[in-house]
PDB file of N, CA and C in Angstrom:
ATOM      1  N   MET A   1     -17.453 -20.673 -15.168  1.00  0.00           N
ATOM      2  CA  MET A   1     -17.648 -19.439 -14.456  1.00  0.00           C
ATOM      3  C   MET A   1     -19.145 -19.122 -14.444  1.00  0.00           C
ATOM      4  N   LYS A   2     -19.649 -18.792 -13.279  1.00  0.00           N
ATOM      5  CA  LYS A   2     -21.059 -18.455 -13.142  1.00  0.00           C
ATOM      6  C   LYS A   2     -21.242 -16.961 -13.441  1.00  0.00           C
ATOM      7  N   CYS A   3     -22.228 -16.646 -14.256  1.00  0.00           N
ATOM      8  CA  CYS A   3     -22.515 -15.257 -14.600  1.00  0.00           C
ATOM      9  C   CYS A   3     -23.035 -14.534 -13.353  1.00  0.00           C
ATOM     10  N   PRO A   4     -22.439 -13.381 -13.002  1.00  0.00           N
ATOM     11  CA  PRO A   4     -22.910 -12.656 -11.822  1.00  0.00           C
ATOM     12  C   PRO A   4     -24.282 -11.992 -12.031  1.00  0.00           C
ATOM     13  N   TYR A   5     -24.729 -11.930 -13.266  1.00  0.00           N
ATOM     14  CA  TYR A   5     -26.000 -11.269 -13.564  1.00  0.00           C
ATOM     15  C   TYR A   5     -27.176 -12.236 -13.618  1.00  0.00           C
ATOM     16  N   CYS A   6     -27.014 -13.341 -14.386  1.00  0.00           N
ATOM     17  CA  CYS A   6     -28.138 -14.263 -14.553  1.00  0.00           C
ATOM     18  C   CYS A   6     -27.894 -15.628 -13.906  1.00  0.00           C
ATOM     19  N   GLN A   7     -26.700 -15.808 -13.348  1.00  0.00           N
ATOM     20  CA  GLN A   7     -26.328 -17.042 -12.642  1.00  0.00           C
ATOM     21  C   GLN A   7     -26.194 -18.263 -13.547  1.00  0.00           C
ATOM     22  N   SER A   8     -26.121 -18.069 -14.861  1.00  0.00           N
ATOM     23  CA  SER A   8     -25.917 -19.185 -15.783  1.00  0.00           C
ATOM     24  C   SER A   8     -24.468 -19.642 -15.732  1.00  0.00           C
ATOM     25  N   ASP A   9     -24.268 -20.944 -15.945  1.00  0.00           N
ATOM     26  CA  ASP A   9     -22.910 -21.477 -16.005  1.00  0.00           C
ATOM     27  C   ASP A   9     -22.329 -21.236 -17.389  1.00  0.00           C
ATOM     28  N   ASN A  10     -21.057 -20.825 -17.409  1.00  0.00           N
ATOM     29  CA  ASN A  10     -20.327 -20.587 -18.647  1.00  0.00           C
ATOM     30  C   ASN A  10     -18.972 -21.274 -18.534  1.00  0.00           C
ATOM     31  N   VAL A  11     -18.313 -21.462 -19.673  1.00  0.00           N
ATOM     32  CA  VAL A  11     -16.958 -22.008 -19.617  1.00  0.00           C
ATOM     33  C   VAL A  11     -16.067 -21.017 -18.880  1.00  0.00           C
ATOM     34  N   GLU A  12     -15.024 -21.521 -18.233  1.00  0.00           N
ATOM     35  CA  GLU A  12     -14.172 -20.697 -17.380  1.00  0.00           C
ATOM     36  C   GLU A  12     -13.528 -19.530 -18.128  1.00  0.00           C
ATOM     37  N   SER A  13     -13.227 -19.720 -19.400  1.00  0.00           N
ATOM     38  CA  SER A  13     -12.543 -18.671 -20.163  1.00  0.00           C
ATOM     39  C   SER A  13     -13.503 -17.722 -20.885  1.00  0.00           C
ATOM     40  N   ALA A  14     -14.793 -17.815 -20.609  1.00  0.00           N
ATOM     41  CA  ALA A  14     -15.782 -16.989 -21.314  1.00  0.00           C
ATOM     42  C   ALA A  14     -15.587 -15.508 -21.016  1.00  0.00           C
ATOM     43  N   LEU A  15     -15.742 -14.711 -22.041  1.00  0.00           N
ATOM     44  CA  LEU A  15     -15.674 -13.258 -21.894  1.00  0.00           C
ATOM     45  C   LEU A  15     -17.066 -12.651 -21.789  1.00  0.00           C
ATOM     46  N   VAL A  16     -18.041 -13.359 -22.392  1.00  0.00           N
ATOM     47  CA  VAL A  16     -19.423 -12.900 -22.434  1.00  0.00           C
ATOM     48  C   VAL A  16     -20.313 -14.079 -22.036  1.00  0.00           C
ATOM     49  N   CYS A  17     -21.352 -13.810 -21.268  1.00  0.00           N
ATOM     50  CA  CYS A  17     -22.270 -14.863 -20.851  1.00  0.00           C
ATOM     51  C   CYS A  17     -23.028 -15.406 -22.061  1.00  0.00           C
ATOM     52  N   ALA A  18     -23.066 -16.726 -22.181  1.00  0.00           N
ATOM     53  CA  ALA A  18     -23.761 -17.368 -23.302  1.00  0.00           C
ATOM     54  C   ALA A  18     -25.273 -17.205 -23.189  1.00  0.00           C
ATOM     55  N   SER A  19     -25.761 -16.936 -21.993  1.00  0.00           N
ATOM     56  CA  SER A  19     -27.202 -16.831 -21.784  1.00  0.00           C
ATOM     57  C   SER A  19     -27.714 -15.398 -21.918  1.00  0.00           C
ATOM     58  N   CYS A  20     -27.077 -14.461 -21.213  1.00  0.00           N
ATOM     59  CA  CYS A  20     -27.599 -13.079 -21.208  1.00  0.00           C
ATOM     60  C   CYS A  20     -26.741 -12.103 -22.016  1.00  0.00           C
ATOM     61  N   ALA A  21     -25.609 -12.565 -22.536  1.00  0.00           N
ATOM     62  CA  ALA A  21     -24.718 -11.785 -23.393  1.00  0.00           C
ATOM     63  C   ALA A  21     -24.052 -10.601 -22.693  1.00  0.00           C
ATOM     64  N   ARG A  22     -23.996 -10.639 -21.376  1.00  0.00           N
ATOM     65  CA  ARG A  22     -23.312  -9.561 -20.654  1.00  0.00           C
ATOM     66  C   ARG A  22     -21.840  -9.897 -20.493  1.00  0.00           C
ATOM     67  N   ASP A  23     -21.028  -8.867 -20.377  1.00  0.00           N
ATOM     68  CA  ASP A  23     -19.590  -9.021 -20.207  1.00  0.00           C
ATOM     69  C   ASP A  23     -19.306  -9.618 -18.832  1.00  0.00           C
ATOM     70  N   ILE A  24     -18.619 -10.771 -18.807  1.00  0.00           N
ATOM     71  CA  ILE A  24     -18.325 -11.409 -17.521  1.00  0.00           C
ATOM     72  C   ILE A  24     -16.823 -11.598 -17.305  1.00  0.00           C
ATOM     73  N   ALA A  25     -16.022 -11.051 -18.195  1.00  0.00           N
ATOM     74  CA  ALA A  25     -14.569 -11.190 -18.068  1.00  0.00           C
ATOM     75  C   ALA A  25     -14.080 -10.372 -16.873  1.00  0.00           C
ATOM     76  N   ILE A  26     -13.189 -10.967 -16.104  1.00  0.00           N
ATOM     77  CA  ILE A  26     -12.584 -10.269 -14.981  1.00  0.00           C
ATOM     78  C   ILE A  26     -11.092 -10.176 -15.284  1.00  0.00           C
ATOM     79  N   PRO A  27     -10.580  -8.961 -15.457  1.00  0.00           N
ATOM     80  CA  PRO A  27      -9.153  -8.822 -15.768  1.00  0.00           C
ATOM     81  C   PRO A  27      -8.276  -9.419 -14.667  1.00  0.00           C
ATOM     82  N   ALA A  28      -7.170 -10.014 -15.076  1.00  0.00           N
ATOM     83  CA  ALA A  28      -6.245 -10.638 -14.122  1.00  0.00           C
ATOM     84  C   ALA A  28      -5.750  -9.634 -13.089  1.00  0.00           C
ATOM     85  N   THR A  29      -5.625  -8.378 -13.486  1.00  0.00           N
ATOM     86  CA  THR A  29      -5.152  -7.361 -12.536  1.00  0.00           C
ATOM     87  C   THR A  29      -6.155  -7.165 -11.402  1.00  0.00           C
ATOM     88  N   LEU A  30      -7.437  -7.244 -11.700  1.00  0.00           N
ATOM     89  CA  LEU A  30      -8.451  -7.122 -10.652  1.00  0.00           C
ATOM     90  C   LEU A  30      -8.433  -8.321  -9.720  1.00  0.00           C
ATOM     91  N   ILE A  31      -8.222  -9.491 -10.274  1.00  0.00           N
ATOM     92  CA  ILE A  31      -8.146 -10.700  -9.446  1.00  0.00           C
ATOM     93  C   ILE A  31      -6.933 -10.616  -8.529  1.00  0.00           C
ATOM     94  N   ALA A  32      -5.793 -10.161  -9.066  1.00  0.00           N
ATOM     95  CA  ALA A  32      -4.581 -10.019  -8.252  1.00  0.00           C
ATOM     96  C   ALA A  32      -4.788  -8.966  -7.162  1.00  0.00           C
ATOM     97  N   GLU A  33      -5.443  -7.868  -7.516  1.00  0.00           N
ATOM     98  CA  GLU A  33      -5.712  -6.816  -6.524  1.00  0.00           C
ATOM     99  C   GLU A  33      -6.637  -7.331  -5.426  1.00  0.00           C
ATOM    100  N   ARG A  34      -7.653  -8.089  -5.814  1.00  0.00           N
ATOM    101  CA  ARG A  34      -8.563  -8.670  -4.829  1.00  0.00           C
ATOM    102  C   ARG A  34      -7.820  -9.600  -3.883  1.00  0.00           C
ATOM    103  N   ASP A  35      -6.981 -10.452  -4.447  1.00  0.00           N
ATOM    104  CA  ASP A  35      -6.218 -11.389  -3.619  1.00  0.00           C
ATOM    105  C   ASP A  35      -5.293 -10.651  -2.658  1.00  0.00           C
ATOM    106  N   ASP A  36      -4.671  -9.582  -3.132  1.00  0.00           N
ATOM    107  CA  ASP A  36      -3.800  -8.775  -2.274  1.00  0.00           C
ATOM    108  C   ASP A  36      -4.595  -8.126  -1.152  1.00  0.00           C
ATOM    109  N   LEU A  37      -5.762  -7.594  -1.468  1.00  0.00           N
ATOM    110  CA  LEU A  37      -6.610  -6.976  -0.447  1.00  0.00           C
ATOM    111  C   LEU A  37      -7.094  -7.999   0.574  1.00  0.00           C
ATOM    112  N   LEU A  38      -7.405  -9.211   0.125  1.00  0.00           N
ATOM    113  CA  LEU A  38      -7.819 -10.259   1.059  1.00  0.00           C
ATOM    114  C   LEU A  38      -6.688 -10.638   2.010  1.00  0.00           C
ATOM    115  N   ARG A  39      -5.455 -10.703   1.481  1.00  0.00           N
ATOM    116  CA  ARG A  39      -4.296 -10.987   2.339  1.00  0.00           C
ATOM    117  C   ARG A  39      -4.109  -9.881   3.372  1.00  0.00           C
ATOM    118  N   LYS A  40      -4.212  -8.631   2.928  1.00  0.00           N
ATOM    119  CA  LYS A  40      -4.062  -7.496   3.845  1.00  0.00           C
ATOM    120  C   LYS A  40      -5.159  -7.505   4.906  1.00  0.00           C
ATOM    121  N   ARG A  41      -6.375  -7.831   4.496  1.00  0.00           N
ATOM    122  CA  ARG A  41      -7.477  -7.915   5.448  1.00  0.00           C
ATOM    123  C   ARG A  41      -7.199  -8.968   6.516  1.00  0.00           C
ATOM    124  N   ASP A  42      -6.719 -10.112   6.084  1.00  0.00           N
ATOM    125  CA  ASP A  42      -6.419 -11.174   7.038  1.00  0.00           C
ATOM    126  C   ASP A  42      -5.314 -10.771   8.006  1.00  0.00           C
ATOM    127  N   LEU A  43      -4.293 -10.086   7.507  1.00  0.00           N
ATOM    128  CA  LEU A  43      -3.221  -9.609   8.381  1.00  0.00           C
ATOM    129  C   LEU A  43      -3.745  -8.596   9.399  1.00  0.00           C
ATOM    130  N   LEU A  44      -4.603  -7.694   8.951  1.00  0.00           N
ATOM    131  CA  LEU A  44      -5.175  -6.701   9.859  1.00  0.00           C
ATOM    132  C   LEU A  44      -6.080  -7.343  10.904  1.00  0.00           C
ATOM    133  N   ARG A  45      -6.832  -8.342  10.499  1.00  0.00           N
ATOM    134  CA  ARG A  45      -7.682  -9.051  11.463  1.00  0.00           C
ATOM    135  C   ARG A  45      -6.842  -9.723  12.543  1.00  0.00           C
ATOM    136  N   GLU A  46      -5.725 -10.328  12.132  1.00  0.00           N
ATOM    137  CA  GLU A  46      -4.844 -10.983  13.095  1.00  0.00           C
ATOM    138  C   GLU A  46      -4.202  -9.945  14.022  1.00  0.00           C
ATOM    139  N   GLU A  47      -3.795  -8.824  13.473  1.00  0.00           N
ATOM    140  CA  GLU A  47      -3.224  -7.754  14.291  1.00  0.00           C
ATOM    141  C   GLU A  47      -4.255  -7.230  15.290  1.00  0.00           C
ATOM    142  N   LEU A  48      -5.483  -7.074  14.859  1.00  0.00           N
ATOM    143  CA  LEU A  48      -6.554  -6.628  15.743  1.00  0.00           C
ATOM    144  C   LEU A  48      -6.820  -7.649  16.838  1.00  0.00           C
ATOM    145  N   ARG A  49      -6.804  -8.932  16.491  1.00  0.00           N
ATOM    146  CA  ARG A  49      -7.012  -9.979  17.489  1.00  0.00           C
ATOM    147  C   ARG A  49      -5.924  -9.936  18.563  1.00  0.00           C
ATOM    148  N   ARG A  50      -4.669  -9.771  18.131  1.00  0.00           N
ATOM    149  CA  ARG A  50      -3.563  -9.686  19.089  1.00  0.00           C
ATOM    150  C   ARG A  50      -3.686  -8.449  19.972  1.00  0.00           C
ATOM    151  N   ALA A  51      -4.070  -7.320  19.385  1.00  0.00           N
ATOM    152  CA  ALA A  51      -4.220  -6.091  20.155  1.00  0.00           C
ATOM    153  C   ALA A  51      -5.336  -6.229  21.193  1.00  0.00           C
ATOM    154  N   ARG A  52      -6.432  -6.845  20.796  1.00  0.00           N
ATOM    155  CA  ARG A  52      -7.530  -7.055  21.747  1.00  0.00           C
ATOM    156  C   ARG A  52      -7.097  -7.947  22.907  1.00  0.00           C
ATOM    157  N   ALA A  53      -6.348  -9.001  22.586  1.00  0.00           N
ATOM    158  CA  ALA A  53      -5.867  -9.906  23.629  1.00  0.00           C
ATOM    159  C   ALA A  53      -4.918  -9.172  24.576  1.00  0.00           C
ATOM    160  N   GLU A  54      -4.083  -8.311  24.021  1.00  0.00           N
ATOM    161  CA  GLU A  54      -3.152  -7.535  24.850  1.00  0.00           C
ATOM    162  C   GLU A  54      -3.910  -6.567  25.758  1.00  0.00           C
ATOM    163  N   ILE A  55      -4.922  -5.925  25.241  1.00  0.00           N
ATOM    164  CA  ILE A  55      -5.731  -5.003  26.049  1.00  0.00           C
ATOM    165  C   ILE A  55      -6.452  -5.756  27.154  1.00  0.00           C
ATOM    166  N   GLU A  56      -7.003  -6.910  26.825  1.00  0.00           N
ATOM    167  CA  GLU A  56      -7.679  -7.724  27.845  1.00  0.00           C
ATOM    168  C   GLU A  56      -6.708  -8.134  28.946  1.00  0.00           C
ATOM    169  N   ALA A  57      -5.483  -8.497  28.577  1.00  0.00           N
ATOM    170  CA  ALA A  57      -4.483  -8.890  29.568  1.00  0.00           C
ATOM    171  C   ALA A  57      -4.140  -7.708  30.474  1.00  0.00           C
ATOM    172  N   ILE A  58      -4.011  -6.533  29.905  1.00  0.00           N
ATOM    173  CA  ILE A  58      -3.718  -5.335  30.700  1.00  0.00           C
ATOM    174  C   ILE A  58      -4.860  -5.042  31.650  1.00  0.00           C
ATOM    175  N   MET A  59      -6.091  -5.106  31.141  1.00  0.00           N
ATOM    176  CA  MET A  59      -7.258  -4.825  31.987  1.00  0.00           C
ATOM    177  C   MET A  59      -7.386  -5.854  33.116  1.00  0.00           C
ATOM    178  N   THR A  60      -7.071  -7.102  32.825  1.00  0.00           N
ATOM    179  CA  THR A  60      -7.137  -8.163  33.830  1.00  0.00           C
ATOM    180  C   THR A  60      -6.111  -7.909  34.935  1.00  0.00           C
ATOM    181  N   ARG A  61      -4.903  -7.508  34.533  1.00  0.00           N
ATOM    182  CA  ARG A  61      -3.858  -7.214  35.517  1.00  0.00           C
ATOM    183  C   ARG A  61      -4.255  -6.030  36.404  1.00  0.00           C
ATOM    184  N   ARG A  62      -4.882  -5.014  35.797  1.00  0.00           N
ATOM    185  CA  ARG A  62      -5.293  -3.838  36.570  1.00  0.00           C
ATOM    186  C   ARG A  62      -6.371  -4.182  37.577  1.00  0.00           C
ATOM    187  N   LYS A  63      -7.296  -5.057  37.181  1.00  0.00           N
ATOM    188  CA  LYS A  63      -8.395  -5.455  38.076  1.00  0.00           C
ATOM    189  C   LYS A  63      -7.884  -6.270  39.241  1.00  0.00           C
ATOM    190  N   SER A  64      -6.814  -7.038  39.024  1.00  0.00           N
ATOM    191  CA  SER A  64      -6.316  -7.910  40.090  1.00  0.00           C
ATOM    192  C   SER A  64      -5.469  -7.162  41.110  1.00  0.00           C
ATOM    193  N   ARG A  65      -5.199  -5.900  40.922  1.00  0.00           N
ATOM    194  CA  ARG A  65      -4.383  -5.115  41.860  1.00  0.00           C
ATOM    195  C   ARG A  65      -5.161  -4.706  43.062  1.00  0.00           C
TER     196      ARG A  65
END
């Protein structure tokens, strides 16, 4: 695991950076929450893409009238 403060490499299970002694542990609940938020973001992006395509199709049909 790379320390977010000093960028030193540490073992994956490290709780404290071996170089700068700062706390680098990330609770599993935060990782799970991050992963859930990333999934939700991706779903929203896809929904937005579909909505934009639908609006473009409507606008195209209106212009062709």
